[in-house]
């Protein structure tokens, strides 16, 4: 699946790029919970119900990023067990994570962002948009792919 295409399709259909509103429209259950260690969030599918859990220890900027990233897994990899795949097949977990990151960048950042902030550095754009530098960098590197 094409991450950019799927993200744009959702935004156009539901007229929002808010990952939580999109989860509501798609009937995806989400909740925040104090996850252990460095785990920031995860996606799972139980009894045909998509579920996203996001760490309650995150700041608002991270919550939206993790929500959009996990939504990417729910859309692009809905029936995949990532741990199983990374250990037992040739398909790399890294590939799935990169696809989910690209999806998150497409959900949270408009294609026109760099013309809107012409002359700004990627770091300045990330601060203005209240998103991570990595997300802006990802959007920049994949804009024409």
N, C-alpha and C. Protein backbone atom coordinates (compact mmCIF):
# COMPACT_ATOMS: atom_id res chain seq x y z
N UNK A 1 0.83 -1.19 0.00
CA UNK A 1 0.00 0.00 0.00
C UNK A 1 0.87 1.25 0.00
N UNK A 2 0.39 2.27 -0.61
CA UNK A 2 1.09 3.53 -0.68
C UNK A 2 0.66 4.43 0.48
N UNK A 3 1.58 4.75 1.36
CA UNK A 3 1.27 5.51 2.57
C UNK A 3 0.70 6.89 2.25
N UNK A 4 1.31 7.58 1.30
CA UNK A 4 0.84 8.92 0.95
C UNK A 4 -0.58 8.87 0.38
N UNK A 5 -0.81 7.94 -0.52
CA UNK A 5 -2.13 7.80 -1.13
C UNK A 5 -3.20 7.49 -0.07
N UNK A 6 -2.91 6.55 0.80
CA UNK A 6 -3.88 6.15 1.83
C UNK A 6 -4.16 7.30 2.80
N UNK A 7 -3.13 8.05 3.17
CA UNK A 7 -3.32 9.19 4.07
C UNK A 7 -4.18 10.26 3.41
N UNK A 8 -3.86 10.60 2.17
CA UNK A 8 -4.62 11.64 1.46
C UNK A 8 -6.07 11.21 1.23
N UNK A 9 -6.27 9.93 0.98
CA UNK A 9 -7.62 9.41 0.78
C UNK A 9 -8.46 9.60 2.04
N UNK A 10 -7.88 9.30 3.20
CA UNK A 10 -8.60 9.49 4.46
C UNK A 10 -8.91 10.96 4.73
N UNK A 11 -7.91 11.81 4.52
CA UNK A 11 -8.09 13.25 4.76
C UNK A 11 -9.20 13.80 3.86
N UNK A 12 -9.19 13.42 2.59
CA UNK A 12 -10.21 13.90 1.66
C UNK A 12 -11.60 13.36 1.99
N UNK A 13 -11.67 12.11 2.39
CA UNK A 13 -12.97 11.50 2.69
C UNK A 13 -13.60 12.09 3.95
N UNK A 14 -12.80 12.27 5.00
CA UNK A 14 -13.35 12.70 6.29
C UNK A 14 -13.11 14.18 6.60
N UNK A 15 -12.42 14.87 5.70
CA UNK A 15 -12.20 16.32 5.83
C UNK A 15 -11.50 16.70 7.13
N UNK A 16 -10.56 15.88 7.56
CA UNK A 16 -9.76 16.17 8.75
C UNK A 16 -8.42 15.46 8.64
N UNK A 17 -7.42 16.05 9.27
CA UNK A 17 -6.13 15.37 9.37
C UNK A 17 -5.81 15.06 10.84
N UNK A 18 -6.79 15.21 11.70
CA UNK A 18 -6.62 14.90 13.12
C UNK A 18 -6.67 13.38 13.29
N UNK A 19 -5.59 12.77 13.77
CA UNK A 19 -5.57 11.30 13.85
C UNK A 19 -6.65 10.72 14.77
N UNK A 20 -7.02 11.45 15.82
CA UNK A 20 -8.05 10.95 16.73
C UNK A 20 -9.44 11.01 16.09
N UNK A 21 -9.70 12.07 15.34
CA UNK A 21 -10.98 12.14 14.61
C UNK A 21 -11.04 11.04 13.56
N UNK A 22 -9.92 10.80 12.88
CA UNK A 22 -9.89 9.73 11.89
C UNK A 22 -10.13 8.37 12.55
N UNK A 23 -9.53 8.13 13.71
CA UNK A 23 -9.77 6.87 14.41
C UNK A 23 -11.24 6.73 14.78
N UNK A 24 -11.88 7.83 15.19
CA UNK A 24 -13.31 7.79 15.49
C UNK A 24 -14.12 7.40 14.25
N UNK A 25 -13.84 8.05 13.13
CA UNK A 25 -14.55 7.75 11.89
C UNK A 25 -14.35 6.29 11.47
N UNK A 26 -13.17 5.77 11.72
CA UNK A 26 -12.83 4.41 11.29
C UNK A 26 -13.17 3.35 12.35
N UNK A 27 -13.78 3.78 13.44
CA UNK A 27 -14.19 2.87 14.51
C UNK A 27 -13.00 2.12 15.10
N UNK A 28 -11.90 2.84 15.28
CA UNK A 28 -10.71 2.28 15.91
C UNK A 28 -10.72 2.72 17.37
N UNK A 29 -10.63 1.76 18.25
CA UNK A 29 -10.58 2.07 19.69
C UNK A 29 -9.18 2.57 20.03
N UNK A 30 -9.11 3.64 20.79
CA UNK A 30 -7.80 4.12 21.25
C UNK A 30 -7.90 4.51 22.72
N UNK A 31 -6.79 4.35 23.40
CA UNK A 31 -6.74 4.75 24.79
C UNK A 31 -5.30 5.08 25.16
N UNK A 32 -5.18 5.81 26.27
CA UNK A 32 -3.86 6.17 26.79
C UNK A 32 -3.65 5.42 28.08
N UNK A 33 -2.43 4.91 28.21
CA UNK A 33 -2.11 4.06 29.34
C UNK A 33 -0.62 4.24 29.65
N UNK A 34 -0.22 4.16 30.92
CA UNK A 34 1.22 4.30 31.24
C UNK A 34 2.00 3.04 30.83
N UNK A 35 2.44 3.02 29.59
CA UNK A 35 3.16 1.86 29.06
C UNK A 35 4.54 1.74 29.70
N UNK A 36 5.04 0.54 29.76
CA UNK A 36 6.33 0.27 30.41
C UNK A 36 7.51 0.62 29.50
N UNK A 37 8.61 0.96 30.14
CA UNK A 37 9.85 1.22 29.41
C UNK A 37 9.72 2.38 28.45
N UNK A 38 10.33 2.23 27.29
CA UNK A 38 10.33 3.28 26.27
C UNK A 38 9.20 3.12 25.26
N UNK A 39 8.29 2.20 25.49
CA UNK A 39 7.19 1.97 24.56
C UNK A 39 6.29 3.20 24.55
N UNK A 40 6.14 3.79 23.37
CA UNK A 40 5.33 5.00 23.24
C UNK A 40 3.92 4.71 22.73
N UNK A 41 3.74 3.59 22.07
CA UNK A 41 2.42 3.22 21.58
C UNK A 41 2.48 1.93 20.80
N UNK A 42 1.31 1.36 20.54
CA UNK A 42 1.25 0.16 19.72
C UNK A 42 -0.13 0.02 19.10
N UNK A 43 -0.17 -0.77 18.04
CA UNK A 43 -1.41 -1.12 17.36
C UNK A 43 -1.60 -2.62 17.43
N UNK A 44 -2.82 -3.03 17.64
CA UNK A 44 -3.15 -4.44 17.61
C UNK A 44 -4.55 -4.62 17.05
N UNK A 45 -4.84 -5.82 16.66
CA UNK A 45 -6.19 -6.14 16.20
C UNK A 45 -6.63 -7.39 16.94
N UNK A 46 -7.68 -7.24 17.73
CA UNK A 46 -8.20 -8.33 18.55
C UNK A 46 -9.67 -8.54 18.22
N UNK A 47 -10.03 -9.77 17.86
CA UNK A 47 -11.42 -10.11 17.56
C UNK A 47 -12.02 -9.16 16.52
N UNK A 48 -11.24 -8.90 15.47
CA UNK A 48 -11.64 -8.02 14.36
C UNK A 48 -11.83 -6.56 14.77
N UNK A 49 -11.35 -6.17 15.92
CA UNK A 49 -11.43 -4.78 16.38
C UNK A 49 -10.02 -4.18 16.41
N UNK A 50 -9.83 -3.07 15.69
CA UNK A 50 -8.55 -2.37 15.71
C UNK A 50 -8.44 -1.56 16.99
N UNK A 51 -7.26 -1.64 17.63
CA UNK A 51 -7.03 -0.96 18.90
C UNK A 51 -5.66 -0.29 18.86
N UNK A 52 -5.61 0.95 19.29
CA UNK A 52 -4.36 1.70 19.41
C UNK A 52 -4.21 2.14 20.85
N UNK A 53 -3.05 1.87 21.41
CA UNK A 53 -2.73 2.30 22.77
C UNK A 53 -1.56 3.28 22.68
N UNK A 54 -1.69 4.40 23.37
CA UNK A 54 -0.67 5.44 23.38
C UNK A 54 -0.26 5.70 24.82
N UNK A 55 1.03 5.80 25.06
CA UNK A 55 1.53 6.03 26.41
C UNK A 55 0.98 7.33 26.98
N UNK A 56 0.54 7.26 28.22
CA UNK A 56 0.02 8.46 28.89
C UNK A 56 1.16 9.35 29.41
N UNK A 57 2.39 8.92 29.20
CA UNK A 57 3.54 9.70 29.67
C UNK A 57 4.07 10.67 28.61
N UNK A 58 3.41 10.78 27.49
CA UNK A 58 3.90 11.60 26.38
C UNK A 58 3.33 13.02 26.42
N UNK A 59 4.10 13.97 25.87
CA UNK A 59 3.60 15.33 25.71
C UNK A 59 2.64 15.37 24.51
N UNK A 60 1.91 16.46 24.36
CA UNK A 60 0.91 16.58 23.30
C UNK A 60 1.50 16.37 21.90
N UNK A 61 2.67 16.95 21.66
CA UNK A 61 3.32 16.81 20.35
C UNK A 61 3.56 15.34 20.03
N UNK A 62 4.06 14.61 21.01
CA UNK A 62 4.34 13.19 20.80
C UNK A 62 3.06 12.38 20.66
N UNK A 63 2.02 12.74 21.39
CA UNK A 63 0.76 12.01 21.32
C UNK A 63 0.21 12.02 19.90
N UNK A 64 0.18 13.19 19.27
CA UNK A 64 -0.33 13.27 17.89
C UNK A 64 0.54 12.49 16.93
N UNK A 65 1.85 12.57 17.11
CA UNK A 65 2.76 11.83 16.24
C UNK A 65 2.55 10.32 16.39
N UNK A 66 2.49 9.84 17.62
CA UNK A 66 2.31 8.41 17.86
C UNK A 66 0.94 7.97 17.38
N UNK A 67 -0.08 8.79 17.60
CA UNK A 67 -1.43 8.45 17.12
C UNK A 67 -1.44 8.31 15.60
N UNK A 68 -0.81 9.25 14.89
CA UNK A 68 -0.78 9.19 13.43
C UNK A 68 0.05 7.99 12.96
N UNK A 69 1.16 7.72 13.64
CA UNK A 69 2.02 6.58 13.29
C UNK A 69 1.26 5.26 13.46
N UNK A 70 0.62 5.09 14.61
CA UNK A 70 -0.11 3.84 14.87
C UNK A 70 -1.33 3.72 13.96
N UNK A 71 -1.96 4.85 13.63
CA UNK A 71 -3.04 4.82 12.64
C UNK A 71 -2.51 4.31 11.30
N UNK A 72 -1.27 4.69 10.98
CA UNK A 72 -0.64 4.18 9.76
C UNK A 72 -0.54 2.66 9.78
N UNK A 73 -0.15 2.10 10.92
CA UNK A 73 -0.12 0.64 11.03
C UNK A 73 -1.53 0.06 10.85
N UNK A 74 -2.52 0.70 11.46
CA UNK A 74 -3.89 0.20 11.37
C UNK A 74 -4.41 0.18 9.94
N UNK A 75 -3.98 1.16 9.14
CA UNK A 75 -4.44 1.26 7.75
C UNK A 75 -3.56 0.41 6.82
N UNK A 76 -2.26 0.52 6.97
CA UNK A 76 -1.33 -0.11 6.03
C UNK A 76 -1.00 -1.56 6.38
N UNK A 77 -1.04 -1.89 7.64
CA UNK A 77 -0.59 -3.22 8.10
C UNK A 77 -1.63 -3.85 9.02
N UNK A 78 -2.88 -3.72 8.69
CA UNK A 78 -3.95 -4.03 9.63
C UNK A 78 -3.92 -5.44 10.20
N UNK A 79 -3.46 -6.42 9.47
CA UNK A 79 -3.47 -7.80 9.97
C UNK A 79 -2.08 -8.35 10.24
N UNK A 80 -1.08 -7.49 10.31
CA UNK A 80 0.28 -7.96 10.48
C UNK A 80 0.73 -7.91 11.93
N UNK A 81 1.37 -8.96 12.35
CA UNK A 81 2.01 -9.00 13.65
C UNK A 81 3.47 -8.63 13.40
N UNK A 82 3.86 -7.42 13.72
CA UNK A 82 5.17 -6.91 13.35
C UNK A 82 6.30 -7.71 13.99
N UNK A 83 6.16 -8.10 15.24
CA UNK A 83 7.21 -8.91 15.87
C UNK A 83 7.37 -10.24 15.16
N UNK A 84 6.27 -10.84 14.83
CA UNK A 84 6.34 -12.11 14.11
C UNK A 84 7.02 -11.93 12.76
N UNK A 85 6.64 -10.90 12.04
CA UNK A 85 7.21 -10.67 10.71
C UNK A 85 8.71 -10.42 10.80
N UNK A 86 9.14 -9.58 11.73
CA UNK A 86 10.56 -9.24 11.79
C UNK A 86 11.42 -10.44 12.17
N UNK A 87 10.87 -11.36 12.91
CA UNK A 87 11.66 -12.51 13.34
C UNK A 87 11.56 -13.69 12.38
N UNK A 88 10.47 -13.78 11.62
CA UNK A 88 10.20 -15.02 10.92
C UNK A 88 10.08 -14.91 9.40
N UNK A 89 10.22 -13.75 8.84
CA UNK A 89 10.12 -13.63 7.39
C UNK A 89 11.20 -12.69 6.88
N UNK A 90 11.25 -12.54 5.59
CA UNK A 90 12.21 -11.63 4.98
C UNK A 90 11.75 -10.18 5.04
N UNK A 91 10.47 -9.94 5.34
CA UNK A 91 9.97 -8.57 5.41
C UNK A 91 10.50 -7.92 6.68
N UNK A 92 11.10 -6.77 6.54
CA UNK A 92 11.74 -6.10 7.65
C UNK A 92 10.74 -5.28 8.46
N UNK A 93 10.88 -5.33 9.78
CA UNK A 93 10.11 -4.46 10.65
C UNK A 93 10.41 -3.01 10.32
N UNK A 94 11.67 -2.72 9.99
CA UNK A 94 12.05 -1.35 9.66
C UNK A 94 11.22 -0.82 8.49
N UNK A 95 10.96 -1.65 7.51
CA UNK A 95 10.15 -1.23 6.36
C UNK A 95 8.75 -0.83 6.82
N UNK A 96 8.16 -1.61 7.71
CA UNK A 96 6.82 -1.30 8.21
C UNK A 96 6.83 -0.02 9.03
N UNK A 97 7.87 0.18 9.82
CA UNK A 97 7.98 1.40 10.62
C UNK A 97 8.16 2.62 9.72
N UNK A 98 8.95 2.49 8.68
CA UNK A 98 9.15 3.60 7.74
C UNK A 98 7.85 3.95 7.04
N UNK A 99 7.07 2.93 6.66
CA UNK A 99 5.78 3.19 6.02
C UNK A 99 4.84 3.92 6.99
N UNK A 100 4.82 3.50 8.25
CA UNK A 100 3.97 4.16 9.24
C UNK A 100 4.43 5.59 9.51
N UNK A 101 5.74 5.83 9.50
CA UNK A 101 6.26 7.19 9.66
C UNK A 101 5.87 8.07 8.48
N UNK A 102 5.94 7.53 7.28
CA UNK A 102 5.55 8.30 6.10
C UNK A 102 4.06 8.63 6.17
N UNK A 103 3.26 7.68 6.57
CA UNK A 103 1.83 7.91 6.73
C UNK A 103 1.59 9.03 7.74
N UNK A 104 2.28 8.99 8.88
CA UNK A 104 2.13 10.02 9.91
C UNK A 104 2.50 11.40 9.37
N UNK A 105 3.59 11.47 8.61
CA UNK A 105 4.01 12.75 8.02
C UNK A 105 2.94 13.28 7.08
N UNK A 106 2.34 12.39 6.29
CA UNK A 106 1.30 12.80 5.35
C UNK A 106 0.03 13.23 6.06
N UNK A 107 -0.29 12.59 7.17
CA UNK A 107 -1.48 12.96 7.93
C UNK A 107 -1.29 14.32 8.60
N UNK A 108 -0.15 14.52 9.22
CA UNK A 108 0.04 15.70 10.07
C UNK A 108 0.55 16.94 9.34
N UNK A 109 1.19 16.76 8.17
CA UNK A 109 1.78 17.91 7.48
C UNK A 109 1.26 18.01 6.05
N UNK A 110 0.73 19.16 5.72
CA UNK A 110 0.21 19.42 4.39
C UNK A 110 1.34 19.48 3.36
N UNK A 111 1.04 19.13 2.12
CA UNK A 111 2.05 19.18 1.06
C UNK A 111 2.60 20.58 0.82
N UNK A 112 1.83 21.60 1.15
CA UNK A 112 2.24 22.99 0.91
C UNK A 112 3.06 23.58 2.04
N UNK A 113 3.40 22.78 3.02
CA UNK A 113 4.07 23.32 4.21
C UNK A 113 5.37 24.05 3.90
N UNK A 114 6.12 23.56 2.92
CA UNK A 114 7.43 24.18 2.64
C UNK A 114 7.29 25.47 1.85
N UNK A 115 6.22 25.62 1.08
CA UNK A 115 5.99 26.91 0.43
C UNK A 115 5.42 27.91 1.43
N UNK A 116 4.63 27.43 2.38
CA UNK A 116 4.09 28.30 3.42
C UNK A 116 5.20 28.85 4.32
N UNK A 117 6.23 28.05 4.53
CA UNK A 117 7.36 28.44 5.39
C UNK A 117 8.62 28.61 4.55
N UNK A 118 8.48 29.18 3.39
CA UNK A 118 9.63 29.37 2.50
C UNK A 118 10.72 30.17 3.23
N UNK A 119 11.93 29.65 3.17
CA UNK A 119 13.06 30.31 3.82
C UNK A 119 13.30 29.86 5.25
N UNK A 120 12.36 29.11 5.80
CA UNK A 120 12.52 28.59 7.17
C UNK A 120 13.34 27.30 7.13
N UNK A 121 14.07 27.04 8.20
CA UNK A 121 14.77 25.76 8.32
C UNK A 121 13.76 24.69 8.73
N UNK A 122 14.14 23.44 8.58
CA UNK A 122 13.26 22.35 9.01
C UNK A 122 12.99 22.42 10.51
N UNK A 123 14.00 22.81 11.26
CA UNK A 123 13.83 22.95 12.71
C UNK A 123 12.82 24.06 13.04
N UNK A 124 12.90 25.17 12.34
CA UNK A 124 11.95 26.27 12.56
C UNK A 124 10.53 25.84 12.20
N UNK A 125 10.39 25.10 11.11
CA UNK A 125 9.07 24.61 10.70
C UNK A 125 8.51 23.67 11.77
N UNK A 126 9.36 22.80 12.29
CA UNK A 126 8.88 21.85 13.31
C UNK A 126 8.38 22.60 14.54
N UNK A 127 9.06 23.67 14.92
CA UNK A 127 8.63 24.45 16.08
C UNK A 127 7.33 25.20 15.79
N UNK A 128 7.22 25.78 14.60
CA UNK A 128 6.00 26.51 14.23
C UNK A 128 4.78 25.58 14.16
N UNK A 129 4.98 24.37 13.69
CA UNK A 129 3.89 23.41 13.52
C UNK A 129 3.68 22.50 14.73
N UNK A 130 4.56 22.63 15.73
CA UNK A 130 4.49 21.81 16.95
C UNK A 130 4.53 20.32 16.64
N UNK A 131 5.42 19.95 15.75
CA UNK A 131 5.67 18.54 15.44
C UNK A 131 7.17 18.29 15.54
N UNK A 132 7.55 17.06 15.57
CA UNK A 132 8.96 16.73 15.72
C UNK A 132 9.76 17.12 14.47
N UNK A 133 11.01 17.41 14.70
CA UNK A 133 11.93 17.70 13.59
C UNK A 133 11.97 16.51 12.62
N UNK A 134 12.01 15.31 13.17
CA UNK A 134 12.10 14.10 12.35
C UNK A 134 10.91 13.97 11.41
N UNK A 135 9.74 14.36 11.87
CA UNK A 135 8.56 14.28 11.02
C UNK A 135 8.66 15.27 9.86
N UNK A 136 9.10 16.49 10.13
CA UNK A 136 9.27 17.49 9.08
C UNK A 136 10.34 17.03 8.09
N UNK A 137 11.42 16.50 8.62
CA UNK A 137 12.49 16.00 7.76
C UNK A 137 11.99 14.85 6.88
N UNK A 138 11.20 13.98 7.46
CA UNK A 138 10.64 12.85 6.71
C UNK A 138 9.74 13.36 5.58
N UNK A 139 8.90 14.33 5.89
CA UNK A 139 8.01 14.91 4.87
C UNK A 139 8.83 15.56 3.77
N UNK A 140 9.85 16.29 4.14
CA UNK A 140 10.72 16.95 3.17
C UNK A 140 11.42 15.94 2.25
N UNK A 141 11.95 14.89 2.84
CA UNK A 141 12.69 13.89 2.05
C UNK A 141 11.78 13.07 1.15
N UNK A 142 10.51 12.97 1.48
CA UNK A 142 9.59 12.13 0.72
C UNK A 142 8.54 12.89 -0.06
N UNK A 143 8.68 14.20 -0.15
CA UNK A 143 7.67 15.02 -0.80
C UNK A 143 7.41 14.61 -2.24
N UNK A 144 8.45 14.30 -2.96
CA UNK A 144 8.29 14.00 -4.39
C UNK A 144 8.42 12.51 -4.72
N UNK A 145 8.31 11.67 -3.70
CA UNK A 145 8.42 10.23 -3.96
C UNK A 145 7.08 9.61 -4.18
